[in-house]
Amino acid sequence: MNVRAASLSPAEVERLTRRGLRLAQFTVVYNIAEGVLAVTFGLLAGLVSLVGFGADSGIEVAASVLVAIRLSARLQGMPVWVVDYVLVHELAHLLEPGHDAAFWGWVDRYPQAERAKGYLLGWSAAARLDPPPGDDVD
């Protein structure tokens, strides 16, 4: 954290976080529309470059979603390795949509996955929330 960020009041941090979330949400909506239009018209016109441009919009959507996750109120104040685990979890959904063995195979490649899962289970219990997906607790 730099000196300027350390001098922000909690209200200023909250305001800037909300602003960042709105920007990420706008970016997601814009890039989805841009991607759909580019791919559609690229296919109609037979232009591979336009289809590629539309596919690139999908990558920008994924990046914007990851920014929104980083700014999520629930993740504020959590250790960096937990936030990184959440990002790995969400990125794994690009490869595997469910929470099956193949999905967890990707997620568990993160070196601190088990530690982060334990942290999130404890945090969820303390906050009286449902446990994270895939972590069945008796």
N, C-alpha and C. Protein backbone atom coordinates (compact mmCIF):
# COMPACT_ATOMS: atom_id res chain seq x y z
N MET A 1 0.86 -1.18 0.00
CA MET A 1 0.00 0.00 0.00
C MET A 1 0.90 1.23 0.00
N ASN A 2 0.58 2.21 -0.83
CA ASN A 2 1.39 3.41 -0.87
C ASN A 2 0.91 4.41 0.17
N VAL A 3 1.68 5.48 0.35
CA VAL A 3 1.36 6.48 1.37
C VAL A 3 0.02 7.14 1.09
N ARG A 4 -0.28 7.43 -0.15
CA ARG A 4 -1.54 8.07 -0.51
C ARG A 4 -2.73 7.19 -0.14
N ALA A 5 -2.65 5.90 -0.48
CA ALA A 5 -3.75 4.99 -0.17
C ALA A 5 -3.93 4.84 1.32
N ALA A 6 -2.83 4.86 2.07
CA ALA A 6 -2.92 4.70 3.53
C ALA A 6 -3.60 5.90 4.17
N SER A 7 -3.58 7.05 3.50
CA SER A 7 -4.17 8.25 4.09
C SER A 7 -5.65 8.42 3.75
N LEU A 8 -6.22 7.52 2.97
CA LEU A 8 -7.64 7.61 2.63
C LEU A 8 -8.49 7.22 3.82
N SER A 9 -9.57 7.94 3.99
CA SER A 9 -10.51 7.58 5.06
C SER A 9 -11.31 6.35 4.64
N PRO A 10 -11.92 5.64 5.59
CA PRO A 10 -12.76 4.49 5.22
C PRO A 10 -13.88 4.88 4.26
N ALA A 11 -14.45 6.09 4.43
CA ALA A 11 -15.51 6.54 3.53
C ALA A 11 -14.99 6.73 2.11
N GLU A 12 -13.76 7.26 1.99
CA GLU A 12 -13.17 7.45 0.67
C GLU A 12 -12.86 6.11 0.01
N VAL A 13 -12.36 5.17 0.79
CA VAL A 13 -12.08 3.83 0.26
C VAL A 13 -13.37 3.19 -0.23
N GLU A 14 -14.44 3.32 0.57
CA GLU A 14 -15.75 2.77 0.19
C GLU A 14 -16.26 3.41 -1.09
N ARG A 15 -16.15 4.73 -1.20
CA ARG A 15 -16.61 5.45 -2.39
C ARG A 15 -15.83 5.01 -3.62
N LEU A 16 -14.52 4.91 -3.50
CA LEU A 16 -13.69 4.51 -4.64
C LEU A 16 -13.92 3.05 -5.01
N THR A 17 -14.16 2.21 -4.02
CA THR A 17 -14.44 0.80 -4.30
C THR A 17 -15.75 0.67 -5.06
N ARG A 18 -16.78 1.39 -4.62
CA ARG A 18 -18.07 1.36 -5.34
C ARG A 18 -17.90 1.87 -6.77
N ARG A 19 -17.11 2.91 -6.93
CA ARG A 19 -16.87 3.46 -8.26
C ARG A 19 -16.17 2.43 -9.15
N GLY A 20 -15.18 1.74 -8.59
CA GLY A 20 -14.49 0.70 -9.34
C GLY A 20 -15.41 -0.44 -9.72
N LEU A 21 -16.31 -0.83 -8.81
CA LEU A 21 -17.27 -1.89 -9.11
C LEU A 21 -18.22 -1.47 -10.22
N ARG A 22 -18.69 -0.22 -10.18
CA ARG A 22 -19.58 0.25 -11.25
C ARG A 22 -18.86 0.24 -12.59
N LEU A 23 -17.60 0.66 -12.60
CA LEU A 23 -16.82 0.65 -13.83
C LEU A 23 -16.64 -0.78 -14.35
N ALA A 24 -16.35 -1.71 -13.45
CA ALA A 24 -16.20 -3.12 -13.86
C ALA A 24 -17.51 -3.65 -14.41
N GLN A 25 -18.64 -3.33 -13.77
CA GLN A 25 -19.94 -3.78 -14.26
C GLN A 25 -20.25 -3.21 -15.63
N PHE A 26 -19.99 -1.92 -15.82
CA PHE A 26 -20.20 -1.29 -17.12
C PHE A 26 -19.34 -1.97 -18.19
N THR A 27 -18.08 -2.24 -17.84
CA THR A 27 -17.16 -2.86 -18.78
C THR A 27 -17.65 -4.24 -19.20
N VAL A 28 -18.17 -5.01 -18.25
CA VAL A 28 -18.70 -6.34 -18.57
C VAL A 28 -19.85 -6.23 -19.56
N VAL A 29 -20.82 -5.36 -19.27
CA VAL A 29 -21.99 -5.21 -20.14
C VAL A 29 -21.57 -4.73 -21.53
N TYR A 30 -20.72 -3.72 -21.57
CA TYR A 30 -20.25 -3.18 -22.85
C TYR A 30 -19.54 -4.24 -23.68
N ASN A 31 -18.63 -4.98 -23.05
CA ASN A 31 -17.85 -5.96 -23.80
C ASN A 31 -18.68 -7.17 -24.22
N ILE A 32 -19.69 -7.53 -23.46
CA ILE A 32 -20.58 -8.61 -23.91
C ILE A 32 -21.30 -8.17 -25.17
N ALA A 33 -21.87 -6.95 -25.15
CA ALA A 33 -22.57 -6.45 -26.33
C ALA A 33 -21.62 -6.33 -27.52
N GLU A 34 -20.45 -5.78 -27.28
CA GLU A 34 -19.45 -5.62 -28.34
C GLU A 34 -19.05 -6.97 -28.93
N GLY A 35 -18.84 -7.96 -28.05
CA GLY A 35 -18.44 -9.29 -28.51
C GLY A 35 -19.51 -9.98 -29.32
N VAL A 36 -20.76 -9.92 -28.85
CA VAL A 36 -21.86 -10.55 -29.57
C VAL A 36 -22.02 -9.92 -30.95
N LEU A 37 -21.99 -8.60 -31.00
CA LEU A 37 -22.14 -7.91 -32.29
C LEU A 37 -20.98 -8.23 -33.23
N ALA A 38 -19.76 -8.19 -32.70
CA ALA A 38 -18.59 -8.44 -33.55
C ALA A 38 -18.59 -9.86 -34.10
N VAL A 39 -18.89 -10.84 -33.26
CA VAL A 39 -18.92 -12.23 -33.73
C VAL A 39 -20.04 -12.43 -34.73
N THR A 40 -21.22 -11.90 -34.42
CA THR A 40 -22.37 -12.05 -35.33
C THR A 40 -22.08 -11.47 -36.70
N PHE A 41 -21.66 -10.20 -36.72
CA PHE A 41 -21.41 -9.56 -38.01
C PHE A 41 -20.16 -10.10 -38.69
N GLY A 42 -19.20 -10.57 -37.89
CA GLY A 42 -18.02 -11.19 -38.48
C GLY A 42 -18.37 -12.49 -39.19
N LEU A 43 -19.25 -13.28 -38.58
CA LEU A 43 -19.70 -14.52 -39.22
C LEU A 43 -20.53 -14.24 -40.47
N LEU A 44 -21.41 -13.24 -40.38
CA LEU A 44 -22.24 -12.88 -41.53
C LEU A 44 -21.41 -12.37 -42.70
N ALA A 45 -20.37 -11.59 -42.38
CA ALA A 45 -19.54 -11.00 -43.43
C ALA A 45 -18.36 -11.91 -43.81
N GLY A 46 -18.15 -12.97 -43.04
CA GLY A 46 -17.02 -13.85 -43.32
C GLY A 46 -15.69 -13.24 -42.98
N LEU A 47 -15.65 -12.37 -41.98
CA LEU A 47 -14.42 -11.70 -41.59
C LEU A 47 -13.86 -12.32 -40.30
N VAL A 48 -12.80 -13.08 -40.44
CA VAL A 48 -12.19 -13.74 -39.29
C VAL A 48 -11.68 -12.71 -38.28
N SER A 49 -11.17 -11.58 -38.78
CA SER A 49 -10.64 -10.56 -37.88
C SER A 49 -11.73 -10.00 -36.96
N LEU A 50 -12.92 -9.85 -37.49
CA LEU A 50 -14.03 -9.34 -36.68
C LEU A 50 -14.47 -10.38 -35.65
N VAL A 51 -14.46 -11.64 -36.03
CA VAL A 51 -14.77 -12.71 -35.09
C VAL A 51 -13.72 -12.74 -33.98
N GLY A 52 -12.46 -12.59 -34.36
CA GLY A 52 -11.38 -12.54 -33.37
C GLY A 52 -11.52 -11.37 -32.42
N PHE A 53 -11.93 -10.24 -32.96
CA PHE A 53 -12.17 -9.05 -32.12
C PHE A 53 -13.27 -9.35 -31.11
N GLY A 54 -14.31 -10.05 -31.55
CA GLY A 54 -15.39 -10.43 -30.63
C GLY A 54 -14.92 -11.39 -29.56
N ALA A 55 -14.06 -12.33 -29.95
CA ALA A 55 -13.52 -13.27 -28.97
C ALA A 55 -12.66 -12.53 -27.94
N ASP A 56 -11.93 -11.53 -28.39
CA ASP A 56 -11.12 -10.72 -27.48
C ASP A 56 -12.00 -10.00 -26.46
N SER A 57 -13.19 -9.63 -26.87
CA SER A 57 -14.12 -8.99 -25.94
C SER A 57 -14.47 -9.94 -24.80
N GLY A 58 -14.53 -11.23 -25.09
CA GLY A 58 -14.78 -12.23 -24.05
C GLY A 58 -13.66 -12.25 -23.02
N ILE A 59 -12.44 -12.10 -23.48
CA ILE A 59 -11.29 -12.06 -22.56
C ILE A 59 -11.39 -10.81 -21.69
N GLU A 60 -11.80 -9.70 -22.28
CA GLU A 60 -11.97 -8.47 -21.50
C GLU A 60 -13.08 -8.60 -20.47
N VAL A 61 -14.13 -9.35 -20.80
CA VAL A 61 -15.20 -9.61 -19.84
C VAL A 61 -14.64 -10.38 -18.65
N ALA A 62 -13.87 -11.42 -18.93
CA ALA A 62 -13.28 -12.22 -17.86
C ALA A 62 -12.39 -11.36 -16.97
N ALA A 63 -11.59 -10.49 -17.57
CA ALA A 63 -10.71 -9.62 -16.78
C ALA A 63 -11.53 -8.66 -15.92
N SER A 64 -12.61 -8.13 -16.45
CA SER A 64 -13.46 -7.22 -15.69
C SER A 64 -14.14 -7.93 -14.52
N VAL A 65 -14.53 -9.17 -14.75
CA VAL A 65 -15.15 -9.95 -13.67
C VAL A 65 -14.12 -10.18 -12.56
N LEU A 66 -12.89 -10.45 -12.93
CA LEU A 66 -11.86 -10.65 -11.92
C LEU A 66 -11.59 -9.37 -11.14
N VAL A 67 -11.62 -8.23 -11.80
CA VAL A 67 -11.48 -6.95 -11.08
C VAL A 67 -12.63 -6.78 -10.10
N ALA A 68 -13.84 -7.09 -10.53
CA ALA A 68 -15.01 -6.97 -9.64
C ALA A 68 -14.87 -7.90 -8.44
N ILE A 69 -14.34 -9.09 -8.66
CA ILE A 69 -14.14 -10.02 -7.54
C ILE A 69 -13.13 -9.43 -6.56
N ARG A 70 -12.05 -8.87 -7.08
CA ARG A 70 -11.04 -8.26 -6.21
C ARG A 70 -11.63 -7.13 -5.36
N LEU A 71 -12.60 -6.42 -5.92
CA LEU A 71 -13.21 -5.29 -5.21
C LEU A 71 -14.39 -5.70 -4.34
N SER A 72 -14.77 -6.96 -4.40
CA SER A 72 -15.92 -7.45 -3.66
C SER A 72 -15.81 -7.11 -2.17
N ALA A 73 -16.92 -6.67 -1.61
CA ALA A 73 -16.94 -6.28 -0.20
C ALA A 73 -16.55 -7.45 0.70
N ARG A 74 -16.98 -8.65 0.35
CA ARG A 74 -16.64 -9.81 1.19
C ARG A 74 -15.15 -10.11 1.20
N LEU A 75 -14.45 -9.75 0.13
CA LEU A 75 -13.03 -10.05 0.06
C LEU A 75 -12.16 -8.96 0.67
N GLN A 76 -12.74 -7.81 0.95
CA GLN A 76 -11.97 -6.72 1.54
C GLN A 76 -11.41 -7.16 2.88
N GLY A 77 -10.14 -6.97 3.08
CA GLY A 77 -9.50 -7.31 4.34
C GLY A 77 -9.04 -8.75 4.44
N MET A 78 -9.35 -9.57 3.44
CA MET A 78 -8.88 -10.96 3.47
C MET A 78 -7.44 -11.00 2.98
N PRO A 79 -6.69 -12.02 3.43
CA PRO A 79 -5.31 -12.12 2.97
C PRO A 79 -5.23 -12.27 1.44
N VAL A 80 -4.15 -11.80 0.88
CA VAL A 80 -3.96 -11.85 -0.57
C VAL A 80 -4.07 -13.27 -1.09
N TRP A 81 -3.53 -14.25 -0.37
CA TRP A 81 -3.56 -15.64 -0.83
C TRP A 81 -4.99 -16.19 -0.87
N VAL A 82 -5.90 -15.65 -0.06
CA VAL A 82 -7.30 -16.06 -0.12
C VAL A 82 -7.96 -15.43 -1.35
N VAL A 83 -7.70 -14.15 -1.59
CA VAL A 83 -8.25 -13.48 -2.77
C VAL A 83 -7.72 -14.17 -4.03
N ASP A 84 -6.45 -14.51 -4.04
CA ASP A 84 -5.88 -15.21 -5.19
C ASP A 84 -6.57 -16.57 -5.39
N TYR A 85 -6.87 -17.26 -4.30
CA TYR A 85 -7.58 -18.54 -4.40
C TYR A 85 -8.96 -18.34 -5.03
N VAL A 86 -9.68 -17.30 -4.62
CA VAL A 86 -11.00 -17.02 -5.19
C VAL A 86 -10.87 -16.74 -6.69
N LEU A 87 -9.84 -16.01 -7.08
CA LEU A 87 -9.61 -15.74 -8.51
C LEU A 87 -9.31 -17.04 -9.26
N VAL A 88 -8.48 -17.90 -8.68
CA VAL A 88 -8.18 -19.20 -9.32
C VAL A 88 -9.46 -20.00 -9.46
N HIS A 89 -10.28 -20.01 -8.40
CA HIS A 89 -11.56 -20.72 -8.42
C HIS A 89 -12.43 -20.23 -9.58
N GLU A 90 -12.57 -18.91 -9.71
CA GLU A 90 -13.41 -18.36 -10.77
C GLU A 90 -12.81 -18.60 -12.15
N LEU A 91 -11.49 -18.52 -12.28
CA LEU A 91 -10.86 -18.81 -13.57
C LEU A 91 -11.04 -20.27 -13.95
N ALA A 92 -11.04 -21.16 -12.97
CA ALA A 92 -11.24 -22.59 -13.26
C ALA A 92 -12.62 -22.83 -13.87
N HIS A 93 -13.58 -21.97 -13.54
CA HIS A 93 -14.92 -22.11 -14.13
C HIS A 93 -14.91 -21.83 -15.64
N LEU A 94 -13.89 -21.17 -16.14
CA LEU A 94 -13.78 -20.98 -17.58
C LEU A 94 -13.47 -22.31 -18.27
N LEU A 95 -12.86 -23.23 -17.53
CA LEU A 95 -12.51 -24.54 -18.07
C LEU A 95 -13.53 -25.61 -17.70
N GLU A 96 -14.07 -25.54 -16.50
CA GLU A 96 -15.03 -26.53 -16.00
C GLU A 96 -16.17 -25.77 -15.32
N PRO A 97 -17.39 -25.87 -15.83
CA PRO A 97 -18.50 -25.07 -15.28
C PRO A 97 -18.98 -25.49 -13.89
N GLY A 98 -18.90 -26.76 -13.56
CA GLY A 98 -19.43 -27.24 -12.28
C GLY A 98 -18.36 -27.32 -11.22
N HIS A 99 -18.69 -28.01 -10.14
CA HIS A 99 -17.74 -28.23 -9.05
C HIS A 99 -17.42 -29.72 -8.95
N ASP A 100 -17.08 -30.33 -10.10
CA ASP A 100 -16.78 -31.75 -10.13
C ASP A 100 -15.27 -31.97 -9.93
N ALA A 101 -14.86 -33.23 -10.02
CA ALA A 101 -13.46 -33.58 -9.78
C ALA A 101 -12.52 -32.86 -10.75
N ALA A 102 -12.94 -32.73 -12.01
CA ALA A 102 -12.08 -32.04 -12.99
C ALA A 102 -11.88 -30.58 -12.59
N PHE A 103 -12.95 -29.93 -12.13
CA PHE A 103 -12.87 -28.54 -11.68
C PHE A 103 -11.88 -28.42 -10.52
N TRP A 104 -12.06 -29.27 -9.49
CA TRP A 104 -11.19 -29.19 -8.32
C TRP A 104 -9.75 -29.56 -8.66
N GLY A 105 -9.57 -30.37 -9.71
CA GLY A 105 -8.22 -30.66 -10.17
C GLY A 105 -7.49 -29.40 -10.61
N TRP A 106 -8.21 -28.52 -11.28
CA TRP A 106 -7.62 -27.23 -11.68
C TRP A 106 -7.37 -26.34 -10.47
N VAL A 107 -8.38 -26.21 -9.62
CA VAL A 107 -8.28 -25.31 -8.46
C VAL A 107 -7.16 -25.74 -7.53
N ASP A 108 -7.06 -27.05 -7.30
CA ASP A 108 -6.09 -27.55 -6.33
C ASP A 108 -4.64 -27.42 -6.80
N ARG A 109 -4.44 -26.96 -8.02
CA ARG A 109 -3.07 -26.67 -8.48
C ARG A 109 -2.52 -25.42 -7.80
N TYR A 110 -3.41 -24.59 -7.28
CA TYR A 110 -2.96 -23.40 -6.54
C TYR A 110 -2.31 -23.88 -5.24
N PRO A 111 -1.05 -23.51 -4.99
CA PRO A 111 -0.33 -24.05 -3.84
C PRO A 111 -1.00 -23.83 -2.47
N GLN A 112 -1.77 -22.78 -2.33
CA GLN A 112 -2.40 -22.52 -1.03
C GLN A 112 -3.90 -22.80 -1.05
N ALA A 113 -4.32 -23.69 -1.94
CA ALA A 113 -5.75 -23.97 -2.09
C ALA A 113 -6.36 -24.53 -0.81
N GLU A 114 -5.76 -25.53 -0.22
CA GLU A 114 -6.32 -26.14 0.99
C GLU A 114 -6.37 -25.14 2.14
N ARG A 115 -5.32 -24.36 2.28
CA ARG A 115 -5.28 -23.34 3.33
C ARG A 115 -6.39 -22.32 3.13
N ALA A 116 -6.58 -21.87 1.89
CA ALA A 116 -7.62 -20.88 1.58
C ALA A 116 -9.01 -21.46 1.79
N LYS A 117 -9.21 -22.73 1.41
CA LYS A 117 -10.51 -23.37 1.63
C LYS A 117 -10.83 -23.39 3.12
N GLY A 118 -9.84 -23.75 3.92
CA GLY A 118 -10.04 -23.76 5.37
C GLY A 118 -10.36 -22.38 5.92
N TYR A 119 -9.65 -21.38 5.42
CA TYR A 119 -9.89 -20.01 5.85
C TYR A 119 -11.32 -19.60 5.52
N LEU A 120 -11.74 -19.88 4.28
CA LEU A 120 -13.09 -19.48 3.85
C LEU A 120 -14.18 -20.25 4.60
N LEU A 121 -13.92 -21.51 4.93
CA LEU A 121 -14.89 -22.27 5.73
C LEU A 121 -15.05 -21.63 7.11
N GLY A 122 -13.92 -21.30 7.73
CA GLY A 122 -13.97 -20.65 9.05
C GLY A 122 -14.63 -19.29 8.99
N TRP A 123 -14.28 -18.53 7.97
CA TRP A 123 -14.87 -17.19 7.82
C TRP A 123 -16.37 -17.28 7.61
N SER A 124 -16.80 -18.23 6.75
CA SER A 124 -18.23 -18.41 6.49
C SER A 124 -18.97 -18.81 7.76
N ALA A 125 -18.38 -19.71 8.54
CA ALA A 125 -19.02 -20.14 9.78
C ALA A 125 -19.13 -18.97 10.76
N ALA A 126 -18.07 -18.17 10.87
CA ALA A 126 -18.09 -17.03 11.79
C ALA A 126 -19.11 -15.99 11.34
N ALA A 127 -19.29 -15.83 10.03
CA ALA A 127 -20.24 -14.86 9.50
C ALA A 127 -21.64 -15.45 9.38
N ARG A 128 -21.78 -16.72 9.75
CA ARG A 128 -23.06 -17.44 9.66
C ARG A 128 -23.60 -17.48 8.24
N LEU A 129 -22.70 -17.77 7.31
CA LEU A 129 -23.06 -17.90 5.89
C LEU A 129 -22.93 -19.35 5.48
N ASP A 130 -23.55 -19.70 4.36
CA ASP A 130 -23.37 -21.05 3.83
C ASP A 130 -21.90 -21.23 3.48
N PRO A 131 -21.37 -22.46 3.64
CA PRO A 131 -19.98 -22.70 3.28
C PRO A 131 -19.77 -22.53 1.78
N PRO A 132 -18.52 -22.29 1.38
CA PRO A 132 -18.21 -22.16 -0.05
C PRO A 132 -18.60 -23.44 -0.79
N PRO A 133 -18.88 -23.36 -2.09
CA PRO A 133 -19.30 -24.55 -2.86
C PRO A 133 -18.23 -25.62 -2.86
N GLY A 134 -18.72 -26.86 -2.79
CA GLY A 134 -17.83 -28.00 -2.90
C GLY A 134 -17.17 -28.42 -1.61
N ASP A 135 -17.37 -27.67 -0.55
CA ASP A 135 -16.75 -28.00 0.73
C ASP A 135 -17.83 -28.48 1.68
N ASP A 136 -18.24 -29.73 1.49
CA ASP A 136 -19.30 -30.30 2.32
C ASP A 136 -18.79 -30.51 3.74
N VAL A 137 -19.51 -29.95 4.68
CA VAL A 137 -19.14 -30.07 6.08
C VAL A 137 -20.29 -30.74 6.80
N ASP A 138 -20.00 -31.77 7.60
CA ASP A 138 -21.06 -32.45 8.35
C ASP A 138 -21.45 -31.66 9.58
